PDB file of N, CA and C in Angstrom:
ATOM      1  N   GLU A   1      -5.442  -0.121 -24.208  1.00  0.00           N
ATOM      2  CA  GLU A   1      -4.488  -0.329 -23.202  1.00  0.00           C
ATOM      3  C   GLU A   1      -4.884   0.231 -21.838  1.00  0.00           C
ATOM      4  N   VAL A   2      -4.750  -0.407 -20.761  1.00  0.00           N
ATOM      5  CA  VAL A   2      -4.989  -0.102 -19.413  1.00  0.00           C
ATOM      6  C   VAL A   2      -3.970   0.929 -19.044  1.00  0.00           C
ATOM      7  N   GLN A   3      -4.561   2.267 -18.633  1.00  0.00           N
ATOM      8  CA  GLN A   3      -3.548   3.063 -18.099  1.00  0.00           C
ATOM      9  C   GLN A   3      -4.032   3.708 -16.578  1.00  0.00           C
ATOM     10  N   LEU A   4      -3.259   3.858 -15.622  1.00  0.00           N
ATOM     11  CA  LEU A   4      -3.532   4.489 -14.574  1.00  0.00           C
ATOM     12  C   LEU A   4      -2.439   5.646 -14.262  1.00  0.00           C
ATOM     13  N   VAL A   5      -2.805   6.989 -14.034  1.00  0.00           N
ATOM     14  CA  VAL A   5      -1.873   8.004 -13.895  1.00  0.00           C
ATOM     15  C   VAL A   5      -2.323   8.811 -12.716  1.00  0.00           C
ATOM     16  N   GLU A   6      -1.344   8.419 -11.740  1.00  0.00           N
ATOM     17  CA  GLU A   6      -1.392   9.227 -10.324  1.00  0.00           C
ATOM     18  C   GLU A   6      -0.654  10.559 -10.441  1.00  0.00           C
ATOM     19  N   SER A   7      -1.178  11.367  -9.555  1.00  0.00           N
ATOM     20  CA  SER A   7      -0.746  12.563  -9.432  1.00  0.00           C
ATOM     21  C   SER A   7      -1.309  13.270  -7.961  1.00  0.00           C
ATOM     22  N   GLY A   8      -0.487  14.350  -7.647  1.00  0.00           N
ATOM     23  CA  GLY A   8      -0.831  15.092  -6.413  1.00  0.00           C
ATOM     24  C   GLY A   8       0.103  14.896  -5.289  1.00  0.00           C
ATOM     25  N   GLY A   9       1.099  14.018  -5.372  1.00  0.00           N
ATOM     26  CA  GLY A   9       2.218  13.748  -4.290  1.00  0.00           C
ATOM     27  C   GLY A   9       3.041  15.005  -4.135  1.00  0.00           C
ATOM     28  N   GLY A  10       3.851  14.799  -3.187  1.00  0.00           N
ATOM     29  CA  GLY A  10       4.713  16.062  -2.904  1.00  0.00           C
ATOM     30  C   GLY A  10       5.214  15.909  -1.407  1.00  0.00           C
ATOM     31  N   LEU A  11       5.830  17.094  -1.060  1.00  0.00           N
ATOM     32  CA  LEU A  11       6.527  17.121   0.213  1.00  0.00           C
ATOM     33  C   LEU A  11       5.589  18.044   1.132  1.00  0.00           C
ATOM     34  N   VAL A  12       5.312  17.424   2.502  1.00  0.00           N
ATOM     35  CA  VAL A  12       4.245  18.108   3.133  1.00  0.00           C
ATOM     36  C   VAL A  12       4.819  17.795   4.598  1.00  0.00           C
ATOM     37  N   GLN A  13       4.441  18.902   5.462  1.00  0.00           N
ATOM     38  CA  GLN A  13       4.775  18.604   6.905  1.00  0.00           C
ATOM     39  C   GLN A  13       3.883  18.051   7.605  1.00  0.00           C
ATOM     40  N   PRO A  14       4.328  17.429   8.667  1.00  0.00           N
ATOM     41  CA  PRO A  14       3.399  16.799   9.602  1.00  0.00           C
ATOM     42  C   PRO A  14       2.348  17.318  10.069  1.00  0.00           C
ATOM     43  N   GLY A  15       1.093  16.783   9.923  1.00  0.00           N
ATOM     44  CA  GLY A  15      -0.190  17.350  10.091  1.00  0.00           C
ATOM     45  C   GLY A  15      -0.805  17.850   9.076  1.00  0.00           C
ATOM     46  N   GLY A  16      -0.111  17.932   7.824  1.00  0.00           N
ATOM     47  CA  GLY A  16      -0.519  18.412   6.716  1.00  0.00           C
ATOM     48  C   GLY A  16      -1.665  17.589   5.783  1.00  0.00           C
ATOM     49  N   SER A  17      -1.946  18.054   4.613  1.00  0.00           N
ATOM     50  CA  SER A  17      -2.827  17.342   3.904  1.00  0.00           C
ATOM     51  C   SER A  17      -2.435  17.284   2.486  1.00  0.00           C
ATOM     52  N   LEU A  18      -2.794  16.368   1.777  1.00  0.00           N
ATOM     53  CA  LEU A  18      -2.637  16.255   0.324  1.00  0.00           C
ATOM     54  C   LEU A  18      -3.911  15.469  -0.206  1.00  0.00           C
ATOM     55  N   ARG A  19      -4.083  15.699  -1.614  1.00  0.00           N
ATOM     56  CA  ARG A  19      -5.118  15.113  -2.239  1.00  0.00           C
ATOM     57  C   ARG A  19      -4.488  14.240  -3.549  1.00  0.00           C
ATOM     58  N   LEU A  20      -4.472  12.935  -3.509  1.00  0.00           N
ATOM     59  CA  LEU A  20      -3.821  12.251  -4.703  1.00  0.00           C
ATOM     60  C   LEU A  20      -4.961  12.015  -5.612  1.00  0.00           C
ATOM     61  N   SER A  21      -4.651  11.953  -6.954  1.00  0.00           N
ATOM     62  CA  SER A  21      -5.580  11.672  -8.041  1.00  0.00           C
ATOM     63  C   SER A  21      -5.108  10.518  -8.894  1.00  0.00           C
ATOM     64  N   CYS A  22      -6.050   9.897  -9.554  1.00  0.00           N
ATOM     65  CA  CYS A  22      -5.629   8.777 -10.274  1.00  0.00           C
ATOM     66  C   CYS A  22      -6.487   8.674 -11.430  1.00  0.00           C
ATOM     67  N   VAL A  23      -6.159   9.076 -12.741  1.00  0.00           N
ATOM     68  CA  VAL A  23      -7.012   8.956 -13.869  1.00  0.00           C
ATOM     69  C   VAL A  23      -6.848   7.745 -14.537  1.00  0.00           C
ATOM     70  N   ALA A  24      -7.737   7.203 -14.835  1.00  0.00           N
ATOM     71  CA  ALA A  24      -7.891   5.724 -15.411  1.00  0.00           C
ATOM     72  C   ALA A  24      -8.315   5.804 -17.005  1.00  0.00           C
ATOM     73  N   SER A  25      -7.927   4.793 -17.622  1.00  0.00           N
ATOM     74  CA  SER A  25      -8.438   4.701 -19.130  1.00  0.00           C
ATOM     75  C   SER A  25      -8.191   3.354 -19.584  1.00  0.00           C
ATOM     76  N   GLY A  26      -8.833   3.011 -20.555  1.00  0.00           N
ATOM     77  CA  GLY A  26      -8.689   1.575 -21.136  1.00  0.00           C
ATOM     78  C   GLY A  26      -9.437   0.487 -20.661  1.00  0.00           C
ATOM     79  N   PHE A  27     -10.219   0.972 -19.791  1.00  0.00           N
ATOM     80  CA  PHE A  27     -11.234  -0.132 -19.487  1.00  0.00           C
ATOM     81  C   PHE A  27     -12.658   0.733 -18.754  1.00  0.00           C
ATOM     82  N   ASP A  28     -13.504  -0.027 -18.495  1.00  0.00           N
ATOM     83  CA  ASP A  28     -14.773   0.659 -17.882  1.00  0.00           C
ATOM     84  C   ASP A  28     -14.734   0.913 -16.543  1.00  0.00           C
ATOM     85  N   PHE A  29     -14.124   2.220 -16.173  1.00  0.00           N
ATOM     86  CA  PHE A  29     -13.718   2.474 -14.895  1.00  0.00           C
ATOM     87  C   PHE A  29     -15.049   2.434 -13.834  1.00  0.00           C
ATOM     88  N   SER A  30     -16.242   2.738 -14.271  1.00  0.00           N
ATOM     89  CA  SER A  30     -17.493   2.878 -13.479  1.00  0.00           C
ATOM     90  C   SER A  30     -17.642   1.367 -12.861  1.00  0.00           C
ATOM     91  N   TYR A  31     -17.249   0.454 -13.633  1.00  0.00           N
ATOM     92  CA  TYR A  31     -17.636  -0.953 -13.231  1.00  0.00           C
ATOM     93  C   TYR A  31     -16.533  -1.633 -12.464  1.00  0.00           C
ATOM     94  N   GLN A  32     -15.470  -0.950 -12.140  1.00  0.00           N
ATOM     95  CA  GLN A  32     -14.364  -1.504 -11.467  1.00  0.00           C
ATOM     96  C   GLN A  32     -14.137  -0.995 -10.052  1.00  0.00           C
ATOM     97  N   PRO A  33     -14.114  -1.874  -8.932  1.00  0.00           N
ATOM     98  CA  PRO A  33     -13.732  -1.357  -7.904  1.00  0.00           C
ATOM     99  C   PRO A  33     -12.030  -1.040  -7.896  1.00  0.00           C
ATOM    100  N   MET A  34     -11.737   0.016  -7.120  1.00  0.00           N
ATOM    101  CA  MET A  34     -10.465   0.673  -7.297  1.00  0.00           C
ATOM    102  C   MET A  34      -9.752   0.633  -5.753  1.00  0.00           C
ATOM    103  N   SER A  35      -8.453   0.646  -5.793  1.00  0.00           N
ATOM    104  CA  SER A  35      -7.815   0.548  -4.374  1.00  0.00           C
ATOM    105  C   SER A  35      -6.556   1.596  -4.559  1.00  0.00           C
ATOM    106  N   TRP A  36      -6.018   1.865  -3.562  1.00  0.00           N
ATOM    107  CA  TRP A  36      -4.766   2.725  -3.321  1.00  0.00           C
ATOM    108  C   TRP A  36      -3.842   1.718  -2.464  1.00  0.00           C
ATOM    109  N   VAL A  37      -2.659   1.585  -3.019  1.00  0.00           N
ATOM    110  CA  VAL A  37      -1.683   0.850  -2.243  1.00  0.00           C
ATOM    111  C   VAL A  37      -0.391   1.718  -2.045  1.00  0.00           C
ATOM    112  N   ARG A  38       0.365   1.756  -1.132  1.00  0.00           N
ATOM    113  CA  ARG A  38       1.720   2.434  -0.833  1.00  0.00           C
ATOM    114  C   ARG A  38       2.716   1.577  -0.348  1.00  0.00           C
ATOM    115  N   GLN A  39       3.980   1.993  -1.124  1.00  0.00           N
ATOM    116  CA  GLN A  39       5.202   1.298  -0.736  1.00  0.00           C
ATOM    117  C   GLN A  39       6.193   2.434  -0.117  1.00  0.00           C
ATOM    118  N   ALA A  40       6.483   2.063   1.203  1.00  0.00           N
ATOM    119  CA  ALA A  40       7.610   2.854   1.702  1.00  0.00           C
ATOM    120  C   ALA A  40       9.050   2.401   1.369  1.00  0.00           C
ATOM    121  N   PRO A  41       9.923   3.154   1.476  1.00  0.00           N
ATOM    122  CA  PRO A  41      11.380   2.712   0.961  1.00  0.00           C
ATOM    123  C   PRO A  41      11.732   1.519   1.841  1.00  0.00           C
ATOM    124  N   GLY A  42      12.159   0.534   1.165  1.00  0.00           N
ATOM    125  CA  GLY A  42      12.838  -0.720   1.717  1.00  0.00           C
ATOM    126  C   GLY A  42      11.549  -1.686   2.467  1.00  0.00           C
ATOM    127  N   GLN A  43      10.205  -1.289   2.083  1.00  0.00           N
ATOM    128  CA  GLN A  43       9.146  -2.129   2.690  1.00  0.00           C
ATOM    129  C   GLN A  43       8.242  -2.827   1.629  1.00  0.00           C
ATOM    130  N   TRP A  44       7.688  -3.740   1.941  1.00  0.00           N
ATOM    131  CA  TRP A  44       6.663  -4.431   1.007  1.00  0.00           C
ATOM    132  C   TRP A  44       5.400  -3.415   0.765  1.00  0.00           C
ATOM    133  N   PRO A  45       4.857  -3.600  -0.313  1.00  0.00           N
ATOM    134  CA  PRO A  45       3.664  -2.601  -0.614  1.00  0.00           C
ATOM    135  C   PRO A  45       2.565  -2.995   0.500  1.00  0.00           C
ATOM    136  N   GLU A  46       1.881  -1.931   0.778  1.00  0.00           N
ATOM    137  CA  GLU A  46       1.003  -2.053   1.889  1.00  0.00           C
ATOM    138  C   GLU A  46      -0.529  -1.336   1.231  1.00  0.00           C
ATOM    139  N   TRP A  47      -1.493  -2.331   1.452  1.00  0.00           N
ATOM    140  CA  TRP A  47      -2.830  -1.860   0.911  1.00  0.00           C
ATOM    141  C   TRP A  47      -3.377  -0.518   1.848  1.00  0.00           C
ATOM    142  N   VAL A  48      -3.715   0.383   1.232  1.00  0.00           N
ATOM    143  CA  VAL A  48      -4.350   1.457   2.037  1.00  0.00           C
ATOM    144  C   VAL A  48      -5.750   1.665   2.017  1.00  0.00           C
ATOM    145  N   SER A  49      -6.466   1.402   0.837  1.00  0.00           N
ATOM    146  CA  SER A  49      -7.780   1.662   0.896  1.00  0.00           C
ATOM    147  C   SER A  49      -8.526   1.208  -0.437  1.00  0.00           C
ATOM    148  N   SER A  50      -9.834   1.025  -0.491  1.00  0.00           N
ATOM    149  CA  SER A  50     -10.500   0.368  -1.570  1.00  0.00           C
ATOM    150  C   SER A  50     -11.910   1.023  -1.654  1.00  0.00           C
ATOM    151  N   ILE A  51     -12.470   1.068  -2.739  1.00  0.00           N
ATOM    152  CA  ILE A  51     -13.846   1.807  -3.014  1.00  0.00           C
ATOM    153  C   ILE A  51     -14.657   0.905  -4.162  1.00  0.00           C
ATOM    154  N   SER A  52     -15.913   0.825  -3.717  1.00  0.00           N
ATOM    155  CA  SER A  52     -16.742  -0.133  -4.770  1.00  0.00           C
ATOM    156  C   SER A  52     -17.005   0.938  -5.895  1.00  0.00           C
ATOM    157  N   THR A  53     -17.879   0.186  -6.727  1.00  0.00           N
ATOM    158  CA  THR A  53     -18.057   0.627  -7.988  1.00  0.00           C
ATOM    159  C   THR A  53     -18.855   2.018  -7.882  1.00  0.00           C
ATOM    160  N   GLY A  54     -19.768   2.004  -7.011  1.00  0.00           N
ATOM    161  CA  GLY A  54     -20.795   3.122  -6.840  1.00  0.00           C
ATOM    162  C   GLY A  54     -20.507   3.880  -5.675  1.00  0.00           C
ATOM    163  N   SER A  55     -19.185   3.645  -5.011  1.00  0.00           N
ATOM    164  CA  SER A  55     -18.800   4.433  -3.831  1.00  0.00           C
ATOM    165  C   SER A  55     -19.739   4.217  -2.491  1.00  0.00           C
ATOM    166  N   THR A  56     -20.465   3.094  -2.572  1.00  0.00           N
ATOM    167  CA  THR A  56     -21.305   3.058  -1.541  1.00  0.00           C
ATOM    168  C   THR A  56     -20.468   2.053  -0.244  1.00  0.00           C
ATOM    169  N   MET A  57     -19.397   1.461  -0.982  1.00  0.00           N
ATOM    170  CA  MET A  57     -18.461   0.902   0.214  1.00  0.00           C
ATOM    171  C   MET A  57     -17.200   1.406   0.087  1.00  0.00           C
ATOM    172  N   THR A  58     -16.551   1.633   1.298  1.00  0.00           N
ATOM    173  CA  THR A  58     -15.204   2.145   1.427  1.00  0.00           C
ATOM    174  C   THR A  58     -14.695   1.328   2.413  1.00  0.00           C
ATOM    175  N   TYR A  59     -13.378   1.077   2.382  1.00  0.00           N
ATOM    176  CA  TYR A  59     -12.624   0.433   3.338  1.00  0.00           C
ATOM    177  C   TYR A  59     -11.058   0.838   3.513  1.00  0.00           C
ATOM    178  N   TYR A  60     -10.749   0.847   4.838  1.00  0.00           N
ATOM    179  CA  TYR A  60      -9.371   1.610   4.989  1.00  0.00           C
ATOM    180  C   TYR A  60      -8.600   0.522   5.855  1.00  0.00           C
ATOM    181  N   ALA A  61      -7.317   0.759   5.716  1.00  0.00           N
ATOM    182  CA  ALA A  61      -6.206   0.110   6.647  1.00  0.00           C
ATOM    183  C   ALA A  61      -6.440   0.790   7.984  1.00  0.00           C
ATOM    184  N   ASP A  62      -5.936   0.107   8.907  1.00  0.00           N
ATOM    185  CA  ASP A  62      -6.205   0.736  10.333  1.00  0.00           C
ATOM    186  C   ASP A  62      -5.286   1.904  10.479  1.00  0.00           C
ATOM    187  N   SER A  63      -4.240   1.891   9.812  1.00  0.00           N
ATOM    188  CA  SER A  63      -3.191   2.870   9.913  1.00  0.00           C
ATOM    189  C   SER A  63      -3.442   4.200   9.385  1.00  0.00           C
ATOM    190  N   VAL A  64      -4.508   4.206   8.298  1.00  0.00           N
ATOM    191  CA  VAL A  64      -5.105   5.484   7.883  1.00  0.00           C
ATOM    192  C   VAL A  64      -6.449   5.767   8.219  1.00  0.00           C
ATOM    193  N   LYS A  65      -7.078   4.923   8.878  1.00  0.00           N
ATOM    194  CA  LYS A  65      -8.644   5.162   9.233  1.00  0.00           C
ATOM    195  C   LYS A  65      -8.903   6.428  10.011  1.00  0.00           C
ATOM    196  N   GLY A  66      -9.758   7.092   9.504  1.00  0.00           N
ATOM    197  CA  GLY A  66     -10.101   8.416  10.201  1.00  0.00           C
ATOM    198  C   GLY A  66      -9.150   9.587   9.854  1.00  0.00           C
ATOM    199  N   ARG A  67      -8.136   9.189   8.913  1.00  0.00           N
ATOM    200  CA  ARG A  67      -7.300  10.338   8.340  1.00  0.00           C
ATOM    201  C   ARG A  67      -7.449  10.510   6.914  1.00  0.00           C
ATOM    202  N   PHE A  68      -7.591   9.408   6.212  1.00  0.00           N
ATOM    203  CA  PHE A  68      -7.843   9.313   4.723  1.00  0.00           C
ATOM    204  C   PHE A  68      -9.169   9.072   4.436  1.00  0.00           C
ATOM    205  N   THR A  69      -9.611   9.541   3.105  1.00  0.00           N
ATOM    206  CA  THR A  69     -10.663   9.486   2.621  1.00  0.00           C
ATOM    207  C   THR A  69     -10.735   9.154   1.126  1.00  0.00           C
ATOM    208  N   ILE A  70     -11.194   7.710   0.659  1.00  0.00           N
ATOM    209  CA  ILE A  70     -11.120   7.663  -0.652  1.00  0.00           C
ATOM    210  C   ILE A  70     -12.384   7.922  -1.281  1.00  0.00           C
ATOM    211  N   SER A  71     -12.294   8.285  -2.710  1.00  0.00           N
ATOM    212  CA  SER A  71     -13.574   8.818  -3.329  1.00  0.00           C
ATOM    213  C   SER A  71     -13.391   8.541  -4.863  1.00  0.00           C
ATOM    214  N   ARG A  72     -14.223   8.627  -5.627  1.00  0.00           N
ATOM    215  CA  ARG A  72     -14.023   8.534  -7.227  1.00  0.00           C
ATOM    216  C   ARG A  72     -15.257   9.282  -7.745  1.00  0.00           C
ATOM    217  N   ASP A  73     -14.880   9.640  -9.058  1.00  0.00           N
ATOM    218  CA  ASP A  73     -15.770  10.404  -9.959  1.00  0.00           C
ATOM    219  C   ASP A  73     -15.886   9.525 -11.144  1.00  0.00           C
ATOM    220  N   ASN A  74     -16.847   8.946 -11.244  1.00  0.00           N
ATOM    221  CA  ASN A  74     -17.075   7.904 -12.464  1.00  0.00           C
ATOM    222  C   ASN A  74     -17.378   8.728 -13.852  1.00  0.00           C
ATOM    223  N   THR A  75     -17.717   9.983 -13.676  1.00  0.00           N
ATOM    224  CA  THR A  75     -17.952  10.774 -14.727  1.00  0.00           C
ATOM    225  C   THR A  75     -16.589  11.382 -15.475  1.00  0.00           C
ATOM    226  N   LYS A  76     -15.622  11.222 -14.608  1.00  0.00           N
ATOM    227  CA  LYS A  76     -14.179  11.511 -14.844  1.00  0.00           C
ATOM    228  C   LYS A  76     -13.218  10.517 -14.934  1.00  0.00           C
ATOM    229  N   ASN A  77     -13.787   9.394 -14.602  1.00  0.00           N
ATOM    230  CA  ASN A  77     -12.760   8.177 -14.568  1.00  0.00           C
ATOM    231  C   ASN A  77     -11.628   8.418 -13.453  1.00  0.00           C
ATOM    232  N   THR A  78     -11.774   8.995 -12.489  1.00  0.00           N
ATOM    233  CA  THR A  78     -10.789   9.399 -11.532  1.00  0.00           C
ATOM    234  C   THR A  78     -10.932   8.860 -10.219  1.00  0.00           C
ATOM    235  N   LEU A  79     -10.198   8.429  -9.623  1.00  0.00           N
ATOM    236  CA  LEU A  79      -9.912   8.047  -8.182  1.00  0.00           C
ATOM    237  C   LEU A  79      -9.199   9.038  -7.275  1.00  0.00           C
ATOM    238  N   TYR A  80      -9.584   9.221  -6.090  1.00  0.00           N
ATOM    239  CA  TYR A  80      -9.095  10.277  -5.354  1.00  0.00           C
ATOM    240  C   TYR A  80      -8.637   9.558  -3.921  1.00  0.00           C
ATOM    241  N   LEU A  81      -7.754  10.138  -3.123  1.00  0.00           N
ATOM    242  CA  LEU A  81      -7.446   9.862  -2.031  1.00  0.00           C
ATOM    243  C   LEU A  81      -7.034  11.260  -1.208  1.00  0.00           C
ATOM    244  N   GLN A  82      -7.967  11.509  -0.426  1.00  0.00           N
ATOM    245  CA  GLN A  82      -7.713  12.822   0.457  1.00  0.00           C
ATOM    246  C   GLN A  82      -6.931  12.473   1.663  1.00  0.00           C
ATOM    247  N   MET A  83      -5.935  12.851   1.809  1.00  0.00           N
ATOM    248  CA  MET A  83      -5.085  12.710   3.053  1.00  0.00           C
ATOM    249  C   MET A  83      -4.890  13.644   3.983  1.00  0.00           C
ATOM    250  N   ASN A  84      -5.367  13.475   5.252  1.00  0.00           N
ATOM    251  CA  ASN A  84      -5.153  14.619   6.280  1.00  0.00           C
ATOM    252  C   ASN A  84      -4.461  14.067   7.297  1.00  0.00           C
ATOM    253  N   SER A  85      -3.974  14.944   8.318  1.00  0.00           N
ATOM    254  CA  SER A  85      -3.167  14.562   9.359  1.00  0.00           C
ATOM    255  C   SER A  85      -1.899  13.844   9.128  1.00  0.00           C
ATOM    256  N   LEU A  86      -1.224  14.054   8.140  1.00  0.00           N
ATOM    257  CA  LEU A  86      -0.303  13.418   7.693  1.00  0.00           C
ATOM    258  C   LEU A  86       0.826  13.320   8.764  1.00  0.00           C
ATOM    259  N   LYS A  87       1.272  11.858   8.719  1.00  0.00           N
ATOM    260  CA  LYS A  87       2.346  11.643   9.705  1.00  0.00           C
ATOM    261  C   LYS A  87       3.739  11.213   8.761  1.00  0.00           C
ATOM    262  N   PRO A  88       4.852  11.278   9.485  1.00  0.00           N
ATOM    263  CA  PRO A  88       5.950  10.867   8.724  1.00  0.00           C
ATOM    264  C   PRO A  88       6.081   9.437   8.192  1.00  0.00           C
ATOM    265  N   GLU A  89       5.320   8.569   8.849  1.00  0.00           N
ATOM    266  CA  GLU A  89       5.071   7.203   8.479  1.00  0.00           C
ATOM    267  C   GLU A  89       4.163   6.883   7.372  1.00  0.00           C
ATOM    268  N   ASP A  90       3.675   8.034   6.840  1.00  0.00           N
ATOM    269  CA  ASP A  90       2.870   7.908   5.747  1.00  0.00           C
ATOM    270  C   ASP A  90       3.651   8.157   4.280  1.00  0.00           C
ATOM    271  N   THR A  91       4.879   8.471   4.589  1.00  0.00           N
ATOM    272  CA  THR A  91       5.859   8.621   3.420  1.00  0.00           C
ATOM    273  C   THR A  91       6.006   7.432   2.655  1.00  0.00           C
ATOM    274  N   ALA A  92       5.647   7.549   1.476  1.00  0.00           N
ATOM    275  CA  ALA A  92       5.870   6.377   0.564  1.00  0.00           C
ATOM    276  C   ALA A  92       5.366   6.864  -0.936  1.00  0.00           C
ATOM    277  N   VAL A  93       5.619   5.875  -1.874  1.00  0.00           N
ATOM    278  CA  VAL A  93       5.046   5.988  -3.166  1.00  0.00           C
ATOM    279  C   VAL A  93       3.661   5.523  -3.223  1.00  0.00           C
ATOM    280  N   TYR A  94       2.641   6.089  -3.790  1.00  0.00           N
ATOM    281  CA  TYR A  94       1.316   5.696  -3.608  1.00  0.00           C
ATOM    282  C   TYR A  94       0.854   5.314  -5.069  1.00  0.00           C
ATOM    283  N   TYR A  95       0.285   4.205  -5.189  1.00  0.00           N
ATOM    284  CA  TYR A  95      -0.266   3.796  -6.407  1.00  0.00           C
ATOM    285  C   TYR A  95      -1.784   3.417  -6.436  1.00  0.00           C
ATOM    286  N   CYS A  96      -2.289   3.732  -7.503  1.00  0.00           N
ATOM    287  CA  CYS A  96      -3.757   3.196  -7.620  1.00  0.00           C
ATOM    288  C   CYS A  96      -3.624   1.909  -8.339  1.00  0.00           C
ATOM    289  N   HIS A  97      -4.681   0.936  -7.989  1.00  0.00           N
ATOM    290  CA  HIS A  97      -4.629  -0.484  -8.505  1.00  0.00           C
ATOM    291  C   HIS A  97      -6.029  -0.716  -9.050  1.00  0.00           C
ATOM    292  N   ALA A  98      -6.061  -1.402 -10.135  1.00  0.00           N
ATOM    293  CA  ALA A  98      -7.222  -1.861 -10.603  1.00  0.00           C
ATOM    294  C   ALA A  98      -6.959  -3.458 -10.612  1.00  0.00           C
ATOM    295  N   LEU A  99      -7.802  -4.292 -10.227  1.00  0.00           N
ATOM    296  CA  LEU A  99      -7.844  -5.766 -10.505  1.00  0.00           C
ATOM    297  C   LEU A  99      -8.662  -6.120 -11.646  1.00  0.00           C
ATOM    298  N   LEU A 100      -8.054  -6.269 -12.890  1.00  0.00           N
ATOM    299  CA  LEU A 100      -9.007  -6.755 -13.923  1.00  0.00           C
ATOM    300  C   LEU A 100      -8.687  -8.091 -14.288  1.00  0.00           C
ATOM    301  N   VAL A 101      -9.269  -9.054 -13.603  1.00  0.00           N
ATOM    302  CA  VAL A 101      -9.023 -10.365 -13.500  1.00  0.00           C
ATOM    303  C   VAL A 101      -8.731 -11.041 -14.975  1.00  0.00           C
ATOM    304  N   PRO A 102      -7.658 -11.599 -15.104  1.00  0.00           N
ATOM    305  CA  PRO A 102      -6.600 -12.179 -14.040  1.00  0.00           C
ATOM    306  C   PRO A 102      -5.489 -11.157 -13.882  1.00  0.00           C
ATOM    307  N   ASN A 103      -5.356  -9.948 -14.490  1.00  0.00           N
ATOM    308  CA  ASN A 103      -4.365  -9.140 -14.203  1.00  0.00           C
ATOM    309  C   ASN A 103      -4.656  -8.110 -13.228  1.00  0.00           C
ATOM    310  N   GLY A 104      -3.567  -7.505 -12.570  1.00  0.00           N
ATOM    311  CA  GLY A 104      -3.760  -6.385 -11.663  1.00  0.00           C
ATOM    312  C   GLY A 104      -3.023  -5.284 -12.457  1.00  0.00           C
ATOM    313  N   TYR A 105      -3.417  -3.988 -12.322  1.00  0.00           N
ATOM    314  CA  TYR A 105      -2.661  -2.794 -13.094  1.00  0.00           C
ATOM    315  C   TYR A 105      -2.318  -1.913 -12.018  1.00  0.00           C
ATOM    316  N   TRP A 106      -1.330  -1.185 -12.157  1.00  0.00           N
ATOM    317  CA  TRP A 106      -0.746  -0.215 -11.477  1.00  0.00           C
ATOM    318  C   TRP A 106      -0.346   1.204 -12.199  1.00  0.00           C
ATOM    319  N   GLY A 107      -0.419   2.107 -11.617  1.00  0.00           N
ATOM    320  CA  GLY A 107       0.013   3.449 -12.345  1.00  0.00           C
ATOM    321  C   GLY A 107       1.479   3.423 -11.999  1.00  0.00           C
ATOM    322  N   GLN A 108       2.131   4.585 -12.314  1.00  0.00           N
ATOM    323  CA  GLN A 108       3.650   4.869 -12.057  1.00  0.00           C
ATOM    324  C   GLN A 108       3.877   5.403 -10.814  1.00  0.00           C
ATOM    325  N   GLY A 109       2.854   5.708 -10.012  1.00  0.00           N
ATOM    326  CA  GLY A 109       2.937   6.198  -8.710  1.00  0.00           C
ATOM    327  C   GLY A 109       3.157   7.439  -8.318  1.00  0.00           C
ATOM    328  N   THR A 110       2.930   8.095  -7.440  1.00  0.00           N
ATOM    329  CA  THR A 110       3.203   9.391  -7.035  1.00  0.00           C
ATOM    330  C   THR A 110       3.670   9.370  -5.676  1.00  0.00           C
ATOM    331  N   ARG A 111       4.914  10.212  -5.230  1.00  0.00           N
ATOM    332  CA  ARG A 111       5.646  10.156  -4.004  1.00  0.00           C
ATOM    333  C   ARG A 111       5.023  11.166  -3.054  1.00  0.00           C
ATOM    334  N   VAL A 112       4.864  10.549  -1.837  1.00  0.00           N
ATOM    335  CA  VAL A 112       4.472  11.627  -0.710  1.00  0.00           C
ATOM    336  C   VAL A 112       5.602  11.429   0.316  1.00  0.00           C
ATOM    337  N   THR A 113       5.925  12.645   0.628  1.00  0.00           N
ATOM    338  CA  THR A 113       7.055  12.696   1.866  1.00  0.00           C
ATOM    339  C   THR A 113       6.536  13.624   2.838  1.00  0.00           C
ATOM    340  N   VAL A 114       6.398  13.155   4.064  1.00  0.00           N
ATOM    341  CA  VAL A 114       5.933  13.883   5.122  1.00  0.00           C
ATOM    342  C   VAL A 114       7.093  14.110   5.926  1.00  0.00           C
ATOM    343  N   SER A 115       7.536  15.320   6.096  1.00  0.00           N
ATOM    344  CA  SER A 115       8.710  15.554   6.715  1.00  0.00           C
ATOM    345  C   SER A 115       8.839  17.160   7.305  1.00  0.00           C
ATOM    346  N   SER A 116       9.194  17.443   8.199  1.00  0.00           N
ATOM    347  CA  SER A 116       9.407  19.044   8.868  1.00  0.00           C
ATOM    348  C   SER A 116      10.793  19.291   8.292  1.00  0.00           C
TER     349      SER A 116
END
């Protein structure tokens, strides 16, 4: 059974930082590109970032480029998202995502609130 378990969210002031984690199980994590997606209240999900299997390639939405860093530790089956210089518009539930064709898998999400 595929499982993705996110953690690390919370309440942070503007300009602050958080590090999200996603522990994966039930598939061969090291062979799977991974992504982070977020959903703000009342809005459609928004792709945030993706990383290749060997971490050689990373991709970011323009809205987070230069502030967020995606990484992974294949020895721990864990995906990370380091978020710096957080803004109120980063407030959302953050999900890690694995596309195991033909199905996509999501975790339960971790909530990030950026507010003073």
